[in-house]
């Protein structure tokens, strides 16, 4: 009996390992990856020299970074790749585990763009409770014309609602069949005005919006809400449209589950 249990457990562990390997190597849905632009396996004891840390705490050990928000910062913990590099269409892949935190966002900015708050362009977020959120921040929440009015105490609640309603199509949230308290491989594919997020090789979130097509993206990093998040094996590649994407787009989008 014990031997049977050991064999069953070994088979289960092998299945999990195969799933993770297949997720990392699975052909992309939206994008075909090209030249590698960045990679980090965190084989050192600090974030430098590949990352510039802003707020929060970041520690590195055994190939994994642990990130936590500081309550006194009143802002998510964040760090960006340094030095900046210019990009447009990309595939970004990383492994993440929410270890008590609310969320972990892949952030994409253009720090020379002055029409959105802090140059924010896009974000893709995994959220505790098995949700994935994608957003065009260039024309959505972080657009200065929206952000500044929402933060203005003189803006009435009615006007705030109108502003939020006006940008509903600039973000989308989805429910996913994934346990973010365990390690998952997250793949974010951006080509033209489309962004697709896959979790362990399975499509999880999608948005088509004009801000996604921003031509001069130049900063990529992470923002974490709460305590704590584990991240490892970060990679970024140039991307081009997959040849069969237009034929499979509708089926992929139909397979997603919108979050209410």
C-alpha atoms as a PDB file:
ATOM      1  CA  UNK A   1       0.000   0.000   0.000  1.00  0.00           C
ATOM      2  CA  UNK A   2       2.784   2.397   0.997  1.00  0.00           C
ATOM      3  CA  UNK A   3       4.630   1.563  -2.221  1.00  0.00           C
ATOM      4  CA  UNK A   4       1.481   2.367  -4.227  1.00  0.00           C
ATOM      5  CA  UNK A   5       1.150   5.744  -2.478  1.00  0.00           C
ATOM      6  CA  UNK A   6       4.805   6.557  -3.147  1.00  0.00           C
ATOM      7  CA  UNK A   7       4.399   5.711  -6.824  1.00  0.00           C
ATOM      8  CA  UNK A   8       1.226   7.802  -7.081  1.00  0.00           C
ATOM      9  CA  UNK A   9       2.952  10.747  -5.403  1.00  0.00           C
ATOM     10  CA  UNK A  10       5.957  10.469  -7.705  1.00  0.00           C
ATOM     11  CA  UNK A  11       3.654  10.416 -10.749  1.00  0.00           C
ATOM     12  CA  UNK A  12       1.825  13.479  -9.456  1.00  0.00           C
ATOM     13  CA  UNK A  13       5.062  15.404  -8.927  1.00  0.00           C
ATOM     14  CA  UNK A  14       6.256  14.428 -12.404  1.00  0.00           C
ATOM     15  CA  UNK A  15       2.977  15.664 -13.905  1.00  0.00           C
ATOM     16  CA  UNK A  16       3.341  19.019 -12.132  1.00  0.00           C
ATOM     17  CA  UNK A  17       6.930  19.396 -13.329  1.00  0.00           C
ATOM     18  CA  UNK A  18       5.933  18.540 -16.903  1.00  0.00           C
ATOM     19  CA  UNK A  19       3.081  21.072 -16.749  1.00  0.00           C
ATOM     20  CA  UNK A  20       5.462  23.836 -15.646  1.00  0.00           C
ATOM     21  CA  UNK A  21       8.000  22.959 -18.349  1.00  0.00           C
ATOM     22  CA  UNK A  22       5.328  22.864 -21.038  1.00  0.00           C
ATOM     23  CA  UNK A  23       3.936  26.213 -19.869  1.00  0.00           C
ATOM     24  CA  UNK A  24       7.306  27.880 -20.274  1.00  0.00           C
ATOM     25  CA  UNK A  25       7.892  26.378 -23.722  1.00  0.00           C
ATOM     26  CA  UNK A  26       4.356  26.556 -25.116  1.00  0.00           C
ATOM     27  CA  UNK A  27       3.977  28.359 -28.426  1.00  0.00           C
ATOM     28  CA  UNK A  28       2.480  31.824 -27.865  1.00  0.00           C
ATOM     29  CA  UNK A  29      -1.096  32.615 -28.892  1.00  0.00           C
ATOM     30  CA  UNK A  30      -0.795  36.242 -29.981  1.00  0.00           C
ATOM     31  CA  UNK A  31       2.942  36.739 -30.452  1.00  0.00           C
ATOM     32  CA  UNK A  32       5.980  35.038 -31.876  1.00  0.00           C
ATOM     33  CA  UNK A  33       9.008  35.867 -29.766  1.00  0.00           C
ATOM     34  CA  UNK A  34      12.222  37.046 -31.350  1.00  0.00           C
ATOM     35  CA  UNK A  35      15.429  38.569 -29.997  1.00  0.00           C
ATOM     36  CA  UNK A  36      15.801  38.465 -26.240  1.00  0.00           C
ATOM     37  CA  UNK A  37      15.914  41.951 -24.740  1.00  0.00           C
ATOM     38  CA  UNK A  38      16.336  41.117 -21.056  1.00  0.00           C
ATOM     39  CA  UNK A  39      16.646  38.191 -18.668  1.00  0.00           C
ATOM     40  CA  UNK A  40      17.331  37.769 -14.975  1.00  0.00           C
ATOM     41  CA  UNK A  41      17.570  34.583 -12.934  1.00  0.00           C
ATOM     42  CA  UNK A  42      18.544  36.539  -9.784  1.00  0.00           C
ATOM     43  CA  UNK A  43      21.766  34.614  -9.230  1.00  0.00           C
ATOM     44  CA  UNK A  44      23.089  37.200  -6.755  1.00  0.00           C
ATOM     45  CA  UNK A  45      22.203  38.737  -3.405  1.00  0.00           C
ATOM     46  CA  UNK A  46      20.739  42.105  -4.449  1.00  0.00           C
ATOM     47  CA  UNK A  47      18.562  43.718  -7.108  1.00  0.00           C
ATOM     48  CA  UNK A  48      21.384  45.820  -8.574  1.00  0.00           C
ATOM     49  CA  UNK A  49      22.718  46.114 -11.167  1.00  0.00           C
ATOM     50  CA  UNK A  50      19.721  45.023 -13.263  1.00  0.00           C
ATOM     51  CA  UNK A  51      16.944  46.751 -11.317  1.00  0.00           C
ATOM     52  CA  UNK A  52      16.230  50.188  -9.882  1.00  0.00           C
ATOM     53  CA  UNK A  53      14.145  49.900  -6.727  1.00  0.00           C
ATOM     54  CA  UNK A  54      11.640  52.637  -5.942  1.00  0.00           C
ATOM     55  CA  UNK A  55       9.377  51.974  -2.959  1.00  0.00           C
ATOM     56  CA  UNK A  56       8.884  48.912  -0.798  1.00  0.00           C
ATOM     57  CA  UNK A  57      11.316  46.175   0.141  1.00  0.00           C
ATOM     58  CA  UNK A  58      13.052  43.799  -2.269  1.00  0.00           C
ATOM     59  CA  UNK A  59      15.301  40.952  -1.172  1.00  0.00           C
ATOM     60  CA  UNK A  60      17.077  38.349  -3.295  1.00  0.00           C
ATOM     61  CA  UNK A  61      17.934  34.785  -2.261  1.00  0.00           C
ATOM     62  CA  UNK A  62      18.279  31.464  -4.072  1.00  0.00           C
ATOM     63  CA  UNK A  63      17.189  32.854  -7.420  1.00  0.00           C
ATOM     64  CA  UNK A  64      13.988  34.413  -6.075  1.00  0.00           C
ATOM     65  CA  UNK A  65      13.065  37.990  -5.185  1.00  0.00           C
ATOM     66  CA  UNK A  66      10.701  38.651  -2.305  1.00  0.00           C
ATOM     67  CA  UNK A  67       8.755  41.904  -2.580  1.00  0.00           C
ATOM     68  CA  UNK A  68       6.633  43.650   0.040  1.00  0.00           C
ATOM     69  CA  UNK A  69       4.823  46.964   0.255  1.00  0.00           C
ATOM     70  CA  UNK A  70       5.636  49.293   3.147  1.00  0.00           C
ATOM     71  CA  UNK A  71       2.394  50.619   4.686  1.00  0.00           C
ATOM     72  CA  UNK A  72       4.041  53.964   5.415  1.00  0.00           C
ATOM     73  CA  UNK A  73       4.780  54.437   1.690  1.00  0.00           C
ATOM     74  CA  UNK A  74       1.051  54.514   0.885  1.00  0.00           C
ATOM     75  CA  UNK A  75       2.062  53.151  -2.513  1.00  0.00           C
ATOM     76  CA  UNK A  76       2.794  49.746  -3.960  1.00  0.00           C
ATOM     77  CA  UNK A  77       6.340  48.415  -3.873  1.00  0.00           C
ATOM     78  CA  UNK A  78       7.976  48.812  -7.274  1.00  0.00           C
ATOM     79  CA  UNK A  79      11.188  48.280  -9.208  1.00  0.00           C
ATOM     80  CA  UNK A  80      12.097  48.741 -12.882  1.00  0.00           C
ATOM     81  CA  UNK A  81      14.711  47.220 -15.151  1.00  0.00           C
ATOM     82  CA  UNK A  82      17.797  49.388 -15.532  1.00  0.00           C
ATOM     83  CA  UNK A  83      19.080  50.704 -17.811  1.00  0.00           C
ATOM     84  CA  UNK A  84      15.899  51.470 -19.720  1.00  0.00           C
ATOM     85  CA  UNK A  85      15.604  50.155 -23.261  1.00  0.00           C
ATOM     86  CA  UNK A  86      13.210  51.126 -26.037  1.00  0.00           C
ATOM     87  CA  UNK A  87      10.597  48.591 -27.125  1.00  0.00           C
ATOM     88  CA  UNK A  88       7.142  48.309 -28.665  1.00  0.00           C
ATOM     89  CA  UNK A  89       5.877  44.746 -29.225  1.00  0.00           C
ATOM     90  CA  UNK A  90       7.154  42.230 -26.673  1.00  0.00           C
ATOM     91  CA  UNK A  91       6.683  38.958 -24.868  1.00  0.00           C
ATOM     92  CA  UNK A  92       7.420  39.136 -21.138  1.00  0.00           C
ATOM     93  CA  UNK A  93       7.515  35.991 -19.026  1.00  0.00           C
ATOM     94  CA  UNK A  94       8.060  35.413 -15.311  1.00  0.00           C
ATOM     95  CA  UNK A  95       7.117  33.058 -12.500  1.00  0.00           C
ATOM     96  CA  UNK A  96       5.163  34.466  -9.571  1.00  0.00           C
ATOM     97  CA  UNK A  97       3.697  33.366  -6.261  1.00  0.00           C
ATOM     98  CA  UNK A  98       1.431  35.544  -4.114  1.00  0.00           C
ATOM     99  CA  UNK A  99       2.609  34.843  -0.581  1.00  0.00           C
ATOM    100  CA  UNK A 100      -0.011  36.921   1.223  1.00  0.00           C
ATOM    101  CA  UNK A 101       0.009  39.958  -1.072  1.00  0.00           C
ATOM    102  CA  UNK A 102      -3.058  41.368  -2.819  1.00  0.00           C
ATOM    103  CA  UNK A 103      -1.540  41.686  -6.270  1.00  0.00           C
ATOM    104  CA  UNK A 104       1.485  41.735  -8.533  1.00  0.00           C
ATOM    105  CA  UNK A 105       1.514  43.881 -11.683  1.00  0.00           C
ATOM    106  CA  UNK A 106       3.808  43.871 -14.678  1.00  0.00           C
ATOM    107  CA  UNK A 107       4.179  47.591 -15.395  1.00  0.00           C
ATOM    108  CA  UNK A 108       5.020  49.097 -18.779  1.00  0.00           C
ATOM    109  CA  UNK A 109       5.778  52.808 -19.039  1.00  0.00           C
ATOM    110  CA  UNK A 110       7.211  55.518 -21.228  1.00  0.00           C
ATOM    111  CA  UNK A 111       9.003  57.848 -18.851  1.00  0.00           C
ATOM    112  CA  UNK A 112       9.217  60.517 -21.552  1.00  0.00           C
ATOM    113  CA  UNK A 113       5.457  60.543 -22.132  1.00  0.00           C
ATOM    114  CA  UNK A 114       3.898  63.420 -20.201  1.00  0.00           C
ATOM    115  CA  UNK A 115       0.199  62.873 -20.937  1.00  0.00           C
ATOM    116  CA  UNK A 116      -0.246  60.101 -18.383  1.00  0.00           C
ATOM    117  CA  UNK A 117       0.597  60.021 -14.688  1.00  0.00           C
ATOM    118  CA  UNK A 118       4.238  58.904 -14.215  1.00  0.00           C
ATOM    119  CA  UNK A 119       4.329  57.851 -17.869  1.00  0.00           C
ATOM    120  CA  UNK A 120       2.187  54.775 -17.163  1.00  0.00           C
ATOM    121  CA  UNK A 121       1.099  53.046 -20.383  1.00  0.00           C
ATOM    122  CA  UNK A 122       0.005  49.453 -19.601  1.00  0.00           C
ATOM    123  CA  UNK A 123      -0.288  46.972 -16.796  1.00  0.00           C
ATOM    124  CA  UNK A 124      -1.116  43.287 -16.391  1.00  0.00           C
ATOM    125  CA  UNK A 125      -1.982  42.172 -12.863  1.00  0.00           C
ATOM    126  CA  UNK A 126      -2.454  38.851 -11.089  1.00  0.00           C
ATOM    127  CA  UNK A 127      -4.765  39.320  -8.118  1.00  0.00           C
ATOM    128  CA  UNK A 128      -5.416  37.206  -5.034  1.00  0.00           C
ATOM    129  CA  UNK A 129      -8.738  35.465  -5.520  1.00  0.00           C
ATOM    130  CA  UNK A 130      -7.756  34.079  -8.921  1.00  0.00           C
ATOM    131  CA  UNK A 131      -8.230  37.166 -11.046  1.00  0.00           C
ATOM    132  CA  UNK A 132      -6.187  38.743 -13.820  1.00  0.00           C
ATOM    133  CA  UNK A 133      -6.612  42.385 -14.785  1.00  0.00           C
ATOM    134  CA  UNK A 134      -5.299  44.080 -17.934  1.00  0.00           C
ATOM    135  CA  UNK A 135      -5.373  47.815 -18.565  1.00  0.00           C
ATOM    136  CA  UNK A 136      -4.576  50.501 -21.094  1.00  0.00           C
ATOM    137  CA  UNK A 137      -3.449  53.217 -18.720  1.00  0.00           C
ATOM    138  CA  UNK A 138      -2.356  55.617 -21.435  1.00  0.00           C
ATOM    139  CA  UNK A 139      -5.968  56.401 -22.319  1.00  0.00           C
ATOM    140  CA  UNK A 140      -7.499  54.978 -19.163  1.00  0.00           C
ATOM    141  CA  UNK A 141      -7.088  55.600 -15.449  1.00  0.00           C
ATOM    142  CA  UNK A 142      -3.612  57.166 -15.622  1.00  0.00           C
ATOM    143  CA  UNK A 143      -4.402  59.594 -18.442  1.00  0.00           C
ATOM    144  CA  UNK A 144      -3.825  63.008 -16.919  1.00  0.00           C
ATOM    145  CA  UNK A 145      -7.259  64.274 -17.901  1.00  0.00           C
ATOM    146  CA  UNK A 146      -8.817  61.409 -15.911  1.00  0.00           C
ATOM    147  CA  UNK A 147      -6.308  60.963 -13.089  1.00  0.00           C
ATOM    148  CA  UNK A 148      -6.131  64.610 -12.073  1.00  0.00           C
ATOM    149  CA  UNK A 149      -9.920  65.029 -11.976  1.00  0.00           C
ATOM    150  CA  UNK A 150     -10.398  61.853  -9.939  1.00  0.00           C
ATOM    151  CA  UNK A 151      -7.815  63.062  -7.426  1.00  0.00           C
ATOM    152  CA  UNK A 152      -9.304  66.555  -7.261  1.00  0.00           C
ATOM    153  CA  UNK A 153     -11.431  66.799  -4.070  1.00  0.00           C
ATOM    154  CA  UNK A 154     -13.728  69.260  -5.837  1.00  0.00           C
ATOM    155  CA  UNK A 155     -14.816  66.598  -8.374  1.00  0.00           C
ATOM    156  CA  UNK A 156     -18.289  65.416  -7.363  1.00  0.00           C
ATOM    157  CA  UNK A 157     -19.085  61.718  -6.901  1.00  0.00           C
ATOM    158  CA  UNK A 158     -21.410  61.951  -9.879  1.00  0.00           C
ATOM    159  CA  UNK A 159     -18.636  63.327 -12.065  1.00  0.00           C
ATOM    160  CA  UNK A 160     -16.217  60.714 -10.741  1.00  0.00           C
ATOM    161  CA  UNK A 161     -18.638  57.989 -11.791  1.00  0.00           C
ATOM    162  CA  UNK A 162     -18.978  59.533 -15.250  1.00  0.00           C
ATOM    163  CA  UNK A 163     -15.201  59.613 -15.598  1.00  0.00           C
ATOM    164  CA  UNK A 164     -14.856  55.980 -14.562  1.00  0.00           C
ATOM    165  CA  UNK A 165     -17.676  54.947 -16.879  1.00  0.00           C
ATOM    166  CA  UNK A 166     -15.958  56.738 -19.766  1.00  0.00           C
ATOM    167  CA  UNK A 167     -12.889  54.482 -19.474  1.00  0.00           C
ATOM    168  CA  UNK A 168     -14.542  51.134 -18.795  1.00  0.00           C
ATOM    169  CA  UNK A 169     -13.338  49.823 -22.138  1.00  0.00           C
ATOM    170  CA  UNK A 170      -9.727  50.620 -21.227  1.00  0.00           C
ATOM    171  CA  UNK A 171      -9.455  47.742 -18.747  1.00  0.00           C
ATOM    172  CA  UNK A 172     -10.799  44.240 -18.303  1.00  0.00           C
ATOM    173  CA  UNK A 173     -10.803  41.694 -15.457  1.00  0.00           C
ATOM    174  CA  UNK A 174     -11.044  37.930 -15.761  1.00  0.00           C
ATOM    175  CA  UNK A 175     -11.477  34.934 -13.468  1.00  0.00           C
ATOM    176  CA  UNK A 176      -8.914  32.189 -13.942  1.00  0.00           C
ATOM    177  CA  UNK A 177      -8.467  28.589 -12.893  1.00  0.00           C
ATOM    178  CA  UNK A 178      -5.151  29.094 -11.135  1.00  0.00           C
ATOM    179  CA  UNK A 179      -3.906  29.142  -7.571  1.00  0.00           C
ATOM    180  CA  UNK A 180      -1.752  32.249  -7.215  1.00  0.00           C
ATOM    181  CA  UNK A 181      -0.657  31.078  -3.769  1.00  0.00           C
ATOM    182  CA  UNK A 182       1.439  28.558  -5.732  1.00  0.00           C
ATOM    183  CA  UNK A 183       4.053  29.185  -8.425  1.00  0.00           C
ATOM    184  CA  UNK A 184       2.605  30.080 -11.831  1.00  0.00           C
ATOM    185  CA  UNK A 185       4.269  31.029 -15.126  1.00  0.00           C
ATOM    186  CA  UNK A 186       2.844  34.331 -16.384  1.00  0.00           C
ATOM    187  CA  UNK A 187       3.317  35.286 -20.027  1.00  0.00           C
ATOM    188  CA  UNK A 188       2.314  38.742 -21.265  1.00  0.00           C
ATOM    189  CA  UNK A 189       2.174  39.170 -25.037  1.00  0.00           C
ATOM    190  CA  UNK A 190       1.855  42.631 -26.596  1.00  0.00           C
ATOM    191  CA  UNK A 191       1.539  43.132 -30.347  1.00  0.00           C
ATOM    192  CA  UNK A 192       0.000  46.216 -31.925  1.00  0.00           C
ATOM    193  CA  UNK A 193      -3.096  47.255 -29.984  1.00  0.00           C
ATOM    194  CA  UNK A 194      -3.614  43.835 -28.370  1.00  0.00           C
ATOM    195  CA  UNK A 195      -2.394  42.359 -25.097  1.00  0.00           C
ATOM    196  CA  UNK A 196      -2.862  38.725 -24.066  1.00  0.00           C
ATOM    197  CA  UNK A 197      -1.939  37.196 -20.708  1.00  0.00           C
ATOM    198  CA  UNK A 198      -1.424  33.449 -20.345  1.00  0.00           C
ATOM    199  CA  UNK A 199      -1.092  31.580 -17.049  1.00  0.00           C
ATOM    200  CA  UNK A 200       0.812  28.291 -17.263  1.00  0.00           C
ATOM    201  CA  UNK A 201       0.305  28.304 -21.026  1.00  0.00           C
ATOM    202  CA  UNK A 202      -3.459  28.891 -20.872  1.00  0.00           C
ATOM    203  CA  UNK A 203      -5.031  32.167 -22.085  1.00  0.00           C
ATOM    204  CA  UNK A 204      -6.239  34.136 -19.065  1.00  0.00           C
ATOM    205  CA  UNK A 205      -6.885  37.783 -20.019  1.00  0.00           C
ATOM    206  CA  UNK A 206      -7.112  39.928 -23.141  1.00  0.00           C
ATOM    207  CA  UNK A 207      -7.577  43.550 -24.145  1.00  0.00           C
ATOM    208  CA  UNK A 208      -7.601  45.401 -27.441  1.00  0.00           C
ATOM    209  CA  UNK A 209      -7.106  49.143 -26.932  1.00  0.00           C
ATOM    210  CA  UNK A 210      -5.308  51.978 -28.696  1.00  0.00           C
ATOM    211  CA  UNK A 211      -2.906  52.664 -25.820  1.00  0.00           C
ATOM    212  CA  UNK A 212      -1.430  49.167 -26.095  1.00  0.00           C
ATOM    213  CA  UNK A 213       0.013  50.238 -29.448  1.00  0.00           C
ATOM    214  CA  UNK A 214       2.130  52.997 -27.859  1.00  0.00           C
ATOM    215  CA  UNK A 215       5.282  53.089 -29.975  1.00  0.00           C
ATOM    216  CA  UNK A 216       7.930  54.257 -27.515  1.00  0.00           C
ATOM    217  CA  UNK A 217       7.594  52.101 -24.421  1.00  0.00           C
ATOM    218  CA  UNK A 218      10.861  52.271 -22.503  1.00  0.00           C
ATOM    219  CA  UNK A 219      10.396  50.976 -18.958  1.00  0.00           C
ATOM    220  CA  UNK A 220       9.312  47.597 -17.622  1.00  0.00           C
ATOM    221  CA  UNK A 221       9.023  46.468 -14.029  1.00  0.00           C
ATOM    222  CA  UNK A 222       6.826  45.182 -11.226  1.00  0.00           C
ATOM    223  CA  UNK A 223       4.505  46.752  -8.677  1.00  0.00           C
ATOM    224  CA  UNK A 224       3.272  44.800  -5.657  1.00  0.00           C
ATOM    225  CA  UNK A 225       0.366  45.551  -3.355  1.00  0.00           C
ATOM    226  CA  UNK A 226       0.592  44.060   0.134  1.00  0.00           C
ATOM    227  CA  UNK A 227       2.968  41.532   1.635  1.00  0.00           C
ATOM    228  CA  UNK A 228       4.524  39.544   0.049  1.00  0.00           C
ATOM    229  CA  UNK A 229       5.166  38.326  -3.534  1.00  0.00           C
ATOM    230  CA  UNK A 230       7.842  35.970  -4.837  1.00  0.00           C
ATOM    231  CA  UNK A 231       9.136  36.435  -8.396  1.00  0.00           C
ATOM    232  CA  UNK A 232      11.750  34.520 -10.388  1.00  0.00           C
ATOM    233  CA  UNK A 233      13.004  33.868 -13.927  1.00  0.00           C
ATOM    234  CA  UNK A 234      12.130  37.141 -15.676  1.00  0.00           C
ATOM    235  CA  UNK A 235      12.567  37.255 -19.468  1.00  0.00           C
ATOM    236  CA  UNK A 236      11.621  39.742 -22.181  1.00  0.00           C
ATOM    237  CA  UNK A 237      11.753  39.241 -25.948  1.00  0.00           C
ATOM    238  CA  UNK A 238      10.930  41.275 -29.019  1.00  0.00           C
ATOM    239  CA  UNK A 239       7.697  40.051 -30.611  1.00  0.00           C
ATOM    240  CA  UNK A 240       5.864  39.883 -33.911  1.00  0.00           C
ATOM    241  CA  UNK A 241       2.295  38.801 -34.617  1.00  0.00           C
ATOM    242  CA  UNK A 242       1.785  35.040 -34.734  1.00  0.00           C
ATOM    243  CA  UNK A 243       0.713  33.988 -38.225  1.00  0.00           C
ATOM    244  CA  UNK A 244      -2.429  32.182 -37.092  1.00  0.00           C
ATOM    245  CA  UNK A 245      -3.553  34.683 -34.456  1.00  0.00           C
ATOM    246  CA  UNK A 246      -6.259  36.326 -36.561  1.00  0.00           C
ATOM    247  CA  UNK A 247      -7.826  32.920 -37.182  1.00  0.00           C
ATOM    248  CA  UNK A 248      -7.840  31.905 -33.529  1.00  0.00           C
ATOM    249  CA  UNK A 249      -8.479  35.274 -31.840  1.00  0.00           C
ATOM    250  CA  UNK A 250     -12.241  34.846 -31.488  1.00  0.00           C
ATOM    251  CA  UNK A 251     -11.940  31.361 -30.010  1.00  0.00           C
ATOM    252  CA  UNK A 252      -9.262  32.456 -27.540  1.00  0.00           C
ATOM    253  CA  UNK A 253     -11.267  35.475 -26.379  1.00  0.00           C
ATOM    254  CA  UNK A 254     -14.445  33.384 -26.109  1.00  0.00           C
ATOM    255  CA  UNK A 255     -12.624  30.946 -23.825  1.00  0.00           C
ATOM    256  CA  UNK A 256     -11.955  33.648 -21.235  1.00  0.00           C
ATOM    257  CA  UNK A 257     -14.186  34.257 -18.218  1.00  0.00           C
ATOM    258  CA  UNK A 258     -14.939  37.893 -17.467  1.00  0.00           C
ATOM    259  CA  UNK A 259     -14.931  38.875 -13.801  1.00  0.00           C
ATOM    260  CA  UNK A 260     -17.977  40.818 -12.625  1.00  0.00           C
END
